[in-house]
C-alpha atoms as a PDB file:
ATOM      1  CA  MET A   1     -29.484  77.050 -24.273  1.00  0.00           C
ATOM      2  CA  LEU A   2     -28.868  74.385 -21.613  1.00  0.00           C
ATOM      3  CA  PHE A   3     -28.637  75.609 -18.018  1.00  0.00           C
ATOM      4  CA  THR A   4     -27.138  73.562 -15.176  1.00  0.00           C
ATOM      5  CA  SER A   5     -26.453  74.171 -11.502  1.00  0.00           C
ATOM      6  CA  PHE A   6     -22.691  74.428 -12.097  1.00  0.00           C
ATOM      7  CA  ARG A   7     -20.714  77.639 -12.063  1.00  0.00           C
ATOM      8  CA  PRO A   8     -19.036  78.467 -15.408  1.00  0.00           C
ATOM      9  CA  SER A   9     -15.640  77.501 -13.935  1.00  0.00           C
ATOM     10  CA  GLU A  10     -16.845  74.019 -12.972  1.00  0.00           C
ATOM     11  CA  LYS A  11     -16.440  71.187 -15.479  1.00  0.00           C
ATOM     12  CA  PRO A  12     -16.913  67.953 -13.540  1.00  0.00           C
ATOM     13  CA  ALA A  13     -15.812  64.850 -15.446  1.00  0.00           C
ATOM     14  CA  TYR A  14     -18.411  62.747 -13.650  1.00  0.00           C
ATOM     15  CA  ILE A  15     -20.961  62.754 -10.840  1.00  0.00           C
ATOM     16  CA  ILE A  16     -21.951  59.670  -8.857  1.00  0.00           C
ATOM     17  CA  TYR A  17     -25.581  59.009  -7.943  1.00  0.00           C
ATOM     18  CA  ASP A  18     -27.028  56.287  -5.749  1.00  0.00           C
ATOM     19  CA  LYS A  19     -29.992  54.126  -6.707  1.00  0.00           C
ATOM     20  CA  GLU A  20     -32.427  56.734  -5.407  1.00  0.00           C
ATOM     21  CA  GLY A  21     -30.867  59.503  -7.515  1.00  0.00           C
ATOM     22  CA  LYS A  22     -28.958  61.214  -4.695  1.00  0.00           C
ATOM     23  CA  LYS A  23     -25.464  62.570  -5.361  1.00  0.00           C
ATOM     24  CA  VAL A  24     -22.847  60.655  -3.371  1.00  0.00           C
ATOM     25  CA  GLU A  25     -19.084  60.664  -2.969  1.00  0.00           C
ATOM     26  CA  TYR A  26     -16.802  57.970  -4.363  1.00  0.00           C
ATOM     27  CA  GLU A  27     -16.079  56.730  -0.827  1.00  0.00           C
ATOM     28  CA  LYS A  28     -19.713  55.596  -0.572  1.00  0.00           C
ATOM     29  CA  ILE A  29     -19.030  53.016  -3.295  1.00  0.00           C
ATOM     30  CA  LEU A  30     -16.038  51.645  -1.388  1.00  0.00           C
ATOM     31  CA  LYS A  31     -18.048  51.500   1.817  1.00  0.00           C
ATOM     32  CA  LYS A  32     -20.840  49.458   0.232  1.00  0.00           C
ATOM     33  CA  ALA A  33     -18.312  47.259  -1.576  1.00  0.00           C
ATOM     34  CA  LYS A  34     -17.045  46.029   1.823  1.00  0.00           C
ATOM     35  CA  LYS A  35     -20.224  43.957   2.150  1.00  0.00           C
ATOM     36  CA  ALA A  36     -20.388  42.718  -1.455  1.00  0.00           C
ATOM     37  CA  ASP A  37     -19.223  39.326  -2.682  1.00  0.00           C
ATOM     38  CA  VAL A  38     -19.438  40.485  -6.292  1.00  0.00           C
ATOM     39  CA  ILE A  39     -19.104  43.952  -7.778  1.00  0.00           C
ATOM     40  CA  LEU A  40     -20.422  44.211 -11.330  1.00  0.00           C
ATOM     41  CA  PHE A  41     -18.761  47.275 -12.842  1.00  0.00           C
ATOM     42  CA  GLY A  42     -20.938  48.092 -15.839  1.00  0.00           C
ATOM     43  CA  GLU A  43     -18.942  50.220 -18.237  1.00  0.00           C
ATOM     44  CA  LEU A  44     -19.405  51.978 -21.534  1.00  0.00           C
ATOM     45  CA  HIS A  45     -16.656  50.317 -23.556  1.00  0.00           C
ATOM     46  CA  ASP A  46     -15.328  53.531 -25.131  1.00  0.00           C
ATOM     47  CA  ASN A  47     -15.554  55.745 -22.043  1.00  0.00           C
ATOM     48  CA  PRO A  48     -12.212  56.877 -20.550  1.00  0.00           C
ATOM     49  CA  ILE A  49     -13.754  57.856 -17.206  1.00  0.00           C
ATOM     50  CA  ALA A  50     -15.160  54.340 -16.804  1.00  0.00           C
ATOM     51  CA  HIS A  51     -11.783  52.743 -17.487  1.00  0.00           C
ATOM     52  CA  TRP A  52      -9.912  55.117 -15.166  1.00  0.00           C
ATOM     53  CA  LEU A  53     -12.395  54.529 -12.341  1.00  0.00           C
ATOM     54  CA  GLU A  54     -12.275  50.757 -12.861  1.00  0.00           C
ATOM     55  CA  LEU A  55      -8.547  50.782 -12.211  1.00  0.00           C
ATOM     56  CA  GLU A  56      -8.761  53.220  -9.290  1.00  0.00           C
ATOM     57  CA  PHE A  57     -11.608  51.264  -7.704  1.00  0.00           C
ATOM     58  CA  THR A  58      -9.658  48.013  -8.090  1.00  0.00           C
ATOM     59  CA  LYS A  59      -6.598  49.516  -6.412  1.00  0.00           C
ATOM     60  CA  ASP A  60      -8.662  50.965  -3.577  1.00  0.00           C
ATOM     61  CA  LEU A  61     -10.711  47.828  -2.904  1.00  0.00           C
ATOM     62  CA  PHE A  62      -7.531  45.732  -3.038  1.00  0.00           C
ATOM     63  CA  GLN A  63      -6.006  47.934  -0.357  1.00  0.00           C
ATOM     64  CA  GLN A  64      -9.216  48.123   1.693  1.00  0.00           C
ATOM     65  CA  SER A  65      -9.667  44.335   1.682  1.00  0.00           C
ATOM     66  CA  LYS A  66      -5.970  43.582   2.271  1.00  0.00           C
ATOM     67  CA  GLY A  67      -5.629  41.950  -1.124  1.00  0.00           C
ATOM     68  CA  LYS A  68      -8.730  39.757  -0.976  1.00  0.00           C
ATOM     69  CA  VAL A  69      -9.929  40.424  -4.506  1.00  0.00           C
ATOM     70  CA  ILE A  70     -10.164  38.497  -7.746  1.00  0.00           C
ATOM     71  CA  LEU A  71     -10.846  40.102 -11.106  1.00  0.00           C
ATOM     72  CA  GLY A  72     -12.767  38.939 -14.149  1.00  0.00           C
ATOM     73  CA  ALA A  73     -14.033  40.453 -17.364  1.00  0.00           C
ATOM     74  CA  GLU A  74     -16.358  40.107 -20.313  1.00  0.00           C
ATOM     75  CA  MET A  75     -13.397  41.028 -22.523  1.00  0.00           C
ATOM     76  CA  PHE A  76     -11.762  37.610 -22.101  1.00  0.00           C
ATOM     77  CA  GLU A  77     -13.419  34.392 -23.293  1.00  0.00           C
ATOM     78  CA  SER A  78     -13.498  31.251 -21.172  1.00  0.00           C
ATOM     79  CA  ASP A  79     -11.432  29.136 -23.567  1.00  0.00           C
ATOM     80  CA  ASN A  80      -8.565  31.627 -23.138  1.00  0.00           C
ATOM     81  CA  GLN A  81      -8.265  30.984 -19.392  1.00  0.00           C
ATOM     82  CA  LEU A  82      -5.178  28.800 -19.797  1.00  0.00           C
ATOM     83  CA  LEU A  83      -3.342  31.551 -21.675  1.00  0.00           C
ATOM     84  CA  LEU A  84      -4.400  34.062 -19.028  1.00  0.00           C
ATOM     85  CA  ASN A  85      -3.103  31.827 -16.247  1.00  0.00           C
ATOM     86  CA  GLU A  86       0.172  31.196 -18.053  1.00  0.00           C
ATOM     87  CA  TYR A  87       0.750  34.920 -18.544  1.00  0.00           C
ATOM     88  CA  LEU A  88      -0.229  35.869 -14.994  1.00  0.00           C
ATOM     89  CA  SER A  89       2.116  33.250 -13.564  1.00  0.00           C
ATOM     90  CA  GLY A  90       5.008  34.425 -15.733  1.00  0.00           C
ATOM     91  CA  ALA A  91       5.180  31.155 -17.683  1.00  0.00           C
ATOM     92  CA  ILE A  92       4.780  32.879 -21.063  1.00  0.00           C
ATOM     93  CA  ARG A  93       5.980  36.220 -22.382  1.00  0.00           C
ATOM     94  CA  GLN A  94       3.717  39.216 -22.849  1.00  0.00           C
ATOM     95  CA  LYS A  95       4.196  39.098 -26.630  1.00  0.00           C
ATOM     96  CA  ASN A  96       3.108  35.460 -26.846  1.00  0.00           C
ATOM     97  CA  PHE A  97       0.071  36.188 -24.699  1.00  0.00           C
ATOM     98  CA  GLU A  98      -1.010  39.216 -26.707  1.00  0.00           C
ATOM     99  CA  ASP A  99      -0.421  37.427 -30.021  1.00  0.00           C
ATOM    100  CA  GLU A 100      -2.524  34.399 -29.110  1.00  0.00           C
ATOM    101  CA  VAL A 101      -5.405  35.714 -26.964  1.00  0.00           C
ATOM    102  CA  ARG A 102      -8.433  37.232 -28.715  1.00  0.00           C
ATOM    103  CA  LEU A 103      -7.970  40.797 -27.486  1.00  0.00           C
ATOM    104  CA  TRP A 104     -10.404  43.672 -27.902  1.00  0.00           C
ATOM    105  CA  PRO A 105      -9.104  46.555 -30.080  1.00  0.00           C
ATOM    106  CA  ASN A 106      -8.889  48.851 -27.019  1.00  0.00           C
ATOM    107  CA  TYR A 107      -7.087  46.285 -24.856  1.00  0.00           C
ATOM    108  CA  LYS A 108      -3.806  48.168 -24.478  1.00  0.00           C
ATOM    109  CA  THR A 109      -5.379  51.431 -23.301  1.00  0.00           C
ATOM    110  CA  ASP A 110      -8.386  50.138 -21.372  1.00  0.00           C
ATOM    111  CA  TYR A 111      -7.948  46.564 -20.114  1.00  0.00           C
ATOM    112  CA  LYS A 112      -4.223  45.914 -20.050  1.00  0.00           C
ATOM    113  CA  PRO A 113      -3.787  48.123 -16.939  1.00  0.00           C
ATOM    114  CA  LEU A 114      -6.279  45.905 -15.070  1.00  0.00           C
ATOM    115  CA  LEU A 115      -4.570  42.712 -16.174  1.00  0.00           C
ATOM    116  CA  GLU A 116      -1.143  44.081 -15.263  1.00  0.00           C
ATOM    117  CA  PHE A 117      -2.461  45.041 -11.826  1.00  0.00           C
ATOM    118  CA  ALA A 118      -3.674  41.464 -11.358  1.00  0.00           C
ATOM    119  CA  LYS A 119      -0.285  40.142 -12.474  1.00  0.00           C
ATOM    120  CA  GLU A 120       1.701  42.430 -10.194  1.00  0.00           C
ATOM    121  CA  ASN A 121      -0.497  41.718  -7.177  1.00  0.00           C
ATOM    122  CA  ASN A 122      -1.276  38.044  -7.804  1.00  0.00           C
ATOM    123  CA  THR A 123      -5.036  38.540  -7.574  1.00  0.00           C
ATOM    124  CA  GLY A 124      -6.104  36.126 -10.275  1.00  0.00           C
ATOM    125  CA  PHE A 125      -8.104  37.090 -13.352  1.00  0.00           C
ATOM    126  CA  VAL A 126     -11.022  35.068 -14.722  1.00  0.00           C
ATOM    127  CA  ALA A 127     -11.987  34.916 -18.392  1.00  0.00           C
ATOM    128  CA  THR A 128     -15.758  34.828 -17.988  1.00  0.00           C
ATOM    129  CA  ASN A 129     -17.339  35.350 -21.398  1.00  0.00           C
ATOM    130  CA  ILE A 130     -18.628  32.659 -23.745  1.00  0.00           C
ATOM    131  CA  PRO A 131     -16.349  31.974 -26.740  1.00  0.00           C
ATOM    132  CA  ARG A 132     -17.811  34.143 -29.469  1.00  0.00           C
ATOM    133  CA  ARG A 133     -18.210  31.219 -31.866  1.00  0.00           C
ATOM    134  CA  TYR A 134     -20.771  29.670 -29.514  1.00  0.00           C
ATOM    135  CA  ALA A 135     -22.729  32.902 -29.070  1.00  0.00           C
ATOM    136  CA  SER A 136     -22.824  33.110 -32.874  1.00  0.00           C
ATOM    137  CA  MET A 137     -23.978  29.489 -32.981  1.00  0.00           C
ATOM    138  CA  VAL A 138     -26.937  30.346 -30.745  1.00  0.00           C
ATOM    139  CA  PHE A 139     -27.830  33.370 -32.860  1.00  0.00           C
ATOM    140  CA  HIS A 140     -27.821  31.375 -36.106  1.00  0.00           C
ATOM    141  CA  LYS A 141     -28.933  27.911 -34.963  1.00  0.00           C
ATOM    142  CA  GLY A 142     -30.800  28.448 -31.709  1.00  0.00           C
ATOM    143  CA  LEU A 143     -30.150  27.824 -28.031  1.00  0.00           C
ATOM    144  CA  ASN A 144     -30.600  24.053 -28.279  1.00  0.00           C
ATOM    145  CA  SER A 145     -27.683  23.811 -30.712  1.00  0.00           C
ATOM    146  CA  LEU A 146     -25.276  24.021 -27.764  1.00  0.00           C
ATOM    147  CA  ALA A 147     -26.286  20.485 -26.766  1.00  0.00           C
ATOM    148  CA  SER A 148     -24.552  19.170 -29.897  1.00  0.00           C
ATOM    149  CA  LEU A 149     -21.131  20.369 -28.727  1.00  0.00           C
ATOM    150  CA  SER A 150     -18.495  17.975 -27.447  1.00  0.00           C
ATOM    151  CA  ASP A 151     -17.917  17.504 -23.735  1.00  0.00           C
ATOM    152  CA  GLU A 152     -14.623  19.333 -24.154  1.00  0.00           C
ATOM    153  CA  ALA A 153     -16.387  22.361 -25.659  1.00  0.00           C
ATOM    154  CA  LYS A 154     -19.032  22.351 -22.933  1.00  0.00           C
ATOM    155  CA  ARG A 155     -16.315  23.037 -20.336  1.00  0.00           C
ATOM    156  CA  PHE A 156     -16.368  26.625 -21.555  1.00  0.00           C
ATOM    157  CA  LEU A 157     -20.123  27.018 -20.970  1.00  0.00           C
ATOM    158  CA  PRO A 158     -22.459  27.034 -17.995  1.00  0.00           C
ATOM    159  CA  PRO A 159     -24.309  23.767 -17.331  1.00  0.00           C
ATOM    160  CA  LEU A 160     -26.850  22.975 -20.027  1.00  0.00           C
ATOM    161  CA  PRO A 161     -29.692  23.525 -20.656  1.00  0.00           C
ATOM    162  CA  ILE A 162     -29.481  27.273 -20.079  1.00  0.00           C
ATOM    163  CA  GLU A 163     -32.671  28.843 -18.749  1.00  0.00           C
ATOM    164  CA  VAL A 164     -33.693  32.137 -20.322  1.00  0.00           C
ATOM    165  CA  ASP A 165     -36.473  34.236 -18.824  1.00  0.00           C
ATOM    166  CA  LEU A 166     -37.794  36.259 -21.730  1.00  0.00           C
ATOM    167  CA  GLU A 167     -40.057  38.175 -19.355  1.00  0.00           C
ATOM    168  CA  LEU A 168     -37.030  39.979 -17.921  1.00  0.00           C
ATOM    169  CA  PRO A 169     -37.359  43.523 -19.342  1.00  0.00           C
ATOM    170  CA  GLY A 170     -33.895  43.538 -20.933  1.00  0.00           C
ATOM    171  CA  TYR A 171     -34.445  40.333 -22.890  1.00  0.00           C
ATOM    172  CA  LYS A 172     -38.046  41.236 -23.677  1.00  0.00           C
ATOM    173  CA  ALA A 173     -36.834  44.508 -25.218  1.00  0.00           C
ATOM    174  CA  LEU A 174     -34.356  42.592 -27.382  1.00  0.00           C
ATOM    175  CA  LEU A 175     -37.093  40.224 -28.482  1.00  0.00           C
ATOM    176  CA  ASP A 176     -39.360  43.134 -29.398  1.00  0.00           C
ATOM    177  CA  MET A 177     -36.473  44.776 -31.248  1.00  0.00           C
ATOM    178  CA  SER A 178     -35.550  41.631 -33.187  1.00  0.00           C
ATOM    179  CA  GLY A 179     -38.807  41.234 -35.085  1.00  0.00           C
ATOM    180  CA  ASP A 180     -38.702  38.741 -37.943  1.00  0.00           C
ATOM    181  CA  GLY A 181     -35.515  40.006 -39.564  1.00  0.00           C
ATOM    182  CA  HIS A 182     -33.001  40.108 -36.717  1.00  0.00           C
ATOM    183  CA  GLY A 183     -32.873  36.581 -35.386  1.00  0.00           C
ATOM    184  CA  GLY A 184     -36.215  36.432 -33.584  1.00  0.00           C
ATOM    185  CA  VAL A 185     -35.898  34.668 -30.227  1.00  0.00           C
ATOM    186  CA  ASN A 186     -32.301  33.775 -31.038  1.00  0.00           C
ATOM    187  CA  PHE A 187     -31.337  37.432 -30.581  1.00  0.00           C
ATOM    188  CA  PRO A 188     -32.122  37.640 -26.838  1.00  0.00           C
ATOM    189  CA  HIS A 189     -30.940  34.024 -26.419  1.00  0.00           C
ATOM    190  CA  ALA A 190     -27.509  34.947 -27.807  1.00  0.00           C
ATOM    191  CA  GLN A 191     -27.324  37.782 -25.284  1.00  0.00           C
ATOM    192  CA  ALA A 192     -28.507  35.524 -22.472  1.00  0.00           C
ATOM    193  CA  VAL A 193     -25.853  32.858 -23.080  1.00  0.00           C
ATOM    194  CA  LYS A 194     -23.203  35.543 -22.583  1.00  0.00           C
ATOM    195  CA  ASP A 195     -24.831  36.623 -19.324  1.00  0.00           C
ATOM    196  CA  ALA A 196     -25.255  33.015 -18.186  1.00  0.00           C
ATOM    197  CA  THR A 197     -21.632  32.155 -18.948  1.00  0.00           C
ATOM    198  CA  MET A 198     -20.314  35.221 -17.159  1.00  0.00           C
ATOM    199  CA  GLY A 199     -22.579  34.557 -14.188  1.00  0.00           C
ATOM    200  CA  HIS A 200     -21.412  30.930 -14.051  1.00  0.00           C
ATOM    201  CA  PHE A 201     -17.695  31.656 -14.078  1.00  0.00           C
ATOM    202  CA  ILE A 202     -18.116  34.426 -11.511  1.00  0.00           C
ATOM    203  CA  SER A 203     -20.075  32.057  -9.251  1.00  0.00           C
ATOM    204  CA  LYS A 204     -17.493  29.315  -9.777  1.00  0.00           C
ATOM    205  CA  ASN A 205     -14.619  31.589  -8.706  1.00  0.00           C
ATOM    206  CA  LEU A 206     -16.081  33.467  -5.748  1.00  0.00           C
ATOM    207  CA  LEU A 207     -13.441  34.368  -3.183  1.00  0.00           C
ATOM    208  CA  LYS A 208     -14.393  33.374   0.358  1.00  0.00           C
ATOM    209  CA  GLY A 209     -14.209  36.440   2.562  1.00  0.00           C
ATOM    210  CA  GLY A 210     -13.202  38.578  -0.425  1.00  0.00           C
ATOM    211  CA  HIS A 211     -14.566  40.326  -3.487  1.00  0.00           C
ATOM    212  CA  PHE A 212     -14.936  39.427  -7.156  1.00  0.00           C
ATOM    213  CA  ILE A 213     -14.710  42.570  -9.295  1.00  0.00           C
ATOM    214  CA  HIS A 214     -16.171  41.978 -12.739  1.00  0.00           C
ATOM    215  CA  PHE A 215     -15.910  44.342 -15.690  1.00  0.00           C
ATOM    216  CA  ASN A 216     -18.640  44.192 -18.310  1.00  0.00           C
ATOM    217  CA  GLY A 217     -20.736  46.328 -20.582  1.00  0.00           C
ATOM    218  CA  ALA A 218     -23.369  48.046 -18.477  1.00  0.00           C
ATOM    219  CA  TYR A 219     -26.189  46.438 -20.480  1.00  0.00           C
ATOM    220  CA  HIS A 220     -25.096  43.039 -19.076  1.00  0.00           C
ATOM    221  CA  SER A 221     -25.891  44.098 -15.495  1.00  0.00           C
ATOM    222  CA  ASP A 222     -28.156  47.163 -15.640  1.00  0.00           C
ATOM    223  CA  ASN A 223     -31.348  46.971 -13.605  1.00  0.00           C
ATOM    224  CA  PHE A 224     -29.863  43.964 -11.755  1.00  0.00           C
ATOM    225  CA  GLU A 225     -30.710  41.703 -14.679  1.00  0.00           C
ATOM    226  CA  GLY A 226     -28.372  39.768 -16.977  1.00  0.00           C
ATOM    227  CA  ILE A 227     -25.279  38.593 -15.113  1.00  0.00           C
ATOM    228  CA  ALA A 228     -26.753  39.444 -11.707  1.00  0.00           C
ATOM    229  CA  TRP A 229     -29.854  37.342 -12.410  1.00  0.00           C
ATOM    230  CA  TYR A 230     -27.772  34.303 -13.394  1.00  0.00           C
ATOM    231  CA  ILE A 231     -25.518  34.593 -10.340  1.00  0.00           C
ATOM    232  CA  GLN A 232     -28.624  34.619  -8.138  1.00  0.00           C
ATOM    233  CA  GLN A 233     -29.930  31.484  -9.860  1.00  0.00           C
ATOM    234  CA  GLU A 234     -26.667  29.625  -9.217  1.00  0.00           C
ATOM    235  CA  LYS A 235     -25.687  31.127  -5.846  1.00  0.00           C
ATOM    236  CA  PRO A 236     -28.786  32.788  -4.341  1.00  0.00           C
ATOM    237  CA  LYS A 237     -27.010  34.064  -1.217  1.00  0.00           C
ATOM    238  CA  THR A 238     -24.403  36.000  -3.172  1.00  0.00           C
ATOM    239  CA  LYS A 239     -24.283  39.689  -2.228  1.00  0.00           C
ATOM    240  CA  ILE A 240     -24.044  41.678  -5.448  1.00  0.00           C
ATOM    241  CA  MET A 241     -23.273  45.365  -5.873  1.00  0.00           C
ATOM    242  CA  ALA A 242     -23.796  46.920  -9.302  1.00  0.00           C
ATOM    243  CA  ILE A 243     -22.262  50.022 -10.856  1.00  0.00           C
ATOM    244  CA  SER A 244     -23.425  51.538 -14.132  1.00  0.00           C
ATOM    245  CA  VAL A 245     -21.737  54.195 -16.256  1.00  0.00           C
ATOM    246  CA  VAL A 246     -24.060  56.438 -18.272  1.00  0.00           C
ATOM    247  CA  THR A 247     -23.699  59.612 -20.319  1.00  0.00           C
ATOM    248  CA  GLN A 248     -25.970  62.640 -20.263  1.00  0.00           C
ATOM    249  CA  GLU A 249     -25.858  66.078 -21.846  1.00  0.00           C
ATOM    250  CA  ASP A 250     -26.498  67.588 -18.417  1.00  0.00           C
ATOM    251  CA  ILE A 251     -25.081  65.616 -15.477  1.00  0.00           C
ATOM    252  CA  SER A 252     -26.223  68.019 -12.737  1.00  0.00           C
ATOM    253  CA  THR A 253     -29.197  65.707 -12.112  1.00  0.00           C
ATOM    254  CA  ILE A 254     -29.778  62.096 -13.042  1.00  0.00           C
ATOM    255  CA  SER A 255     -32.376  61.441 -15.703  1.00  0.00           C
ATOM    256  CA  GLU A 256     -35.426  59.339 -14.923  1.00  0.00           C
ATOM    257  CA  GLU A 257     -34.232  56.829 -17.518  1.00  0.00           C
ATOM    258  CA  ASN A 258     -30.918  56.268 -15.726  1.00  0.00           C
ATOM    259  CA  GLN A 259     -32.087  56.396 -12.125  1.00  0.00           C
ATOM    260  CA  GLY A 260     -32.170  53.015 -10.405  1.00  0.00           C
ATOM    261  CA  LYS A 261     -30.097  51.177 -13.019  1.00  0.00           C
ATOM    262  CA  ALA A 262     -27.597  50.099 -10.369  1.00  0.00           C
ATOM    263  CA  ASP A 263     -26.570  50.706  -6.773  1.00  0.00           C
ATOM    264  CA  PHE A 264     -24.377  53.511  -8.096  1.00  0.00           C
ATOM    265  CA  ILE A 265     -24.642  55.354 -11.394  1.00  0.00           C
ATOM    266  CA  ILE A 266     -21.572  57.192 -12.657  1.00  0.00           C
ATOM    267  CA  CYS A 267     -22.866  59.977 -14.855  1.00  0.00           C
ATOM    268  CA  VAL A 268     -20.427  61.335 -17.469  1.00  0.00           C
ATOM    269  CA  PRO A 269     -20.946  64.236 -19.897  1.00  0.00           C
ATOM    270  CA  GLU A 270     -21.859  63.133 -23.416  1.00  0.00           C
ATOM    271  CA  SER A 271     -19.084  65.415 -24.703  1.00  0.00           C
ATOM    272  CA  MET A 272     -16.429  63.304 -22.959  1.00  0.00           C
ATOM    273  CA  THR A 273     -13.716  62.095 -25.343  1.00  0.00           C
ATOM    274  CA  ARG A 274     -13.781  58.393 -26.242  1.00  0.00           C
ATOM    275  CA  THR A 275     -11.077  55.769 -26.291  1.00  0.00           C
ATOM    276  CA  TYR A 276     -12.004  54.634 -29.803  1.00  0.00           C
END
């Protein structure tokens, strides 16, 4: 039987820990966010607590900063920016937007509220991810294949060539995992081009005196690697705050595995319902 420090009547939906593994209140995140240029909100894509907190955090930081926020997300690809802009400005109808943009299956429940908040409050929303066809190209043909793209296509990518540090633990783990049958070096390279593209379009759209809130899978920013690493390469003085959502069977303490993944770790019970 599993024992925790909670009373039987207590069923917390989440507990927040800081980088050192100390329990903290939600307000601590907002306080630290005041000094951050970029907040990388690392979610678990199917976690309802993550999606609820993303929206609440966005509302609160918007109010705290007197509207000086811009949003961006992994869930929108860079070649869809025009459609995003047209929808946010009211130029095209919601139906046309949703029919033509490559939306994730859980868009309506999990990401639409964020986009509608941006629309209602005129914050701007950046499509940061690499078009999936180019990530697939890297996986099947290698990183250098991107050089063969047209100048028009390269507008949706970071400047080439893209540097990949395979000694970073996250990429090294992917390389070790890939072996001979899962793409070899192309496997971590395909992950890295996503991180590099997201980092580039975040860096390109930083809001002077404000905050860029970016929503991405936690594995893209955990341990201050991935997106955070690429932002630092492009804009070394950028102040980045990272959040990571994790699940544990017992959330009364943070596991050694999850401690230190980000400035704040939102720990959710593994039994939490999922959005898909």
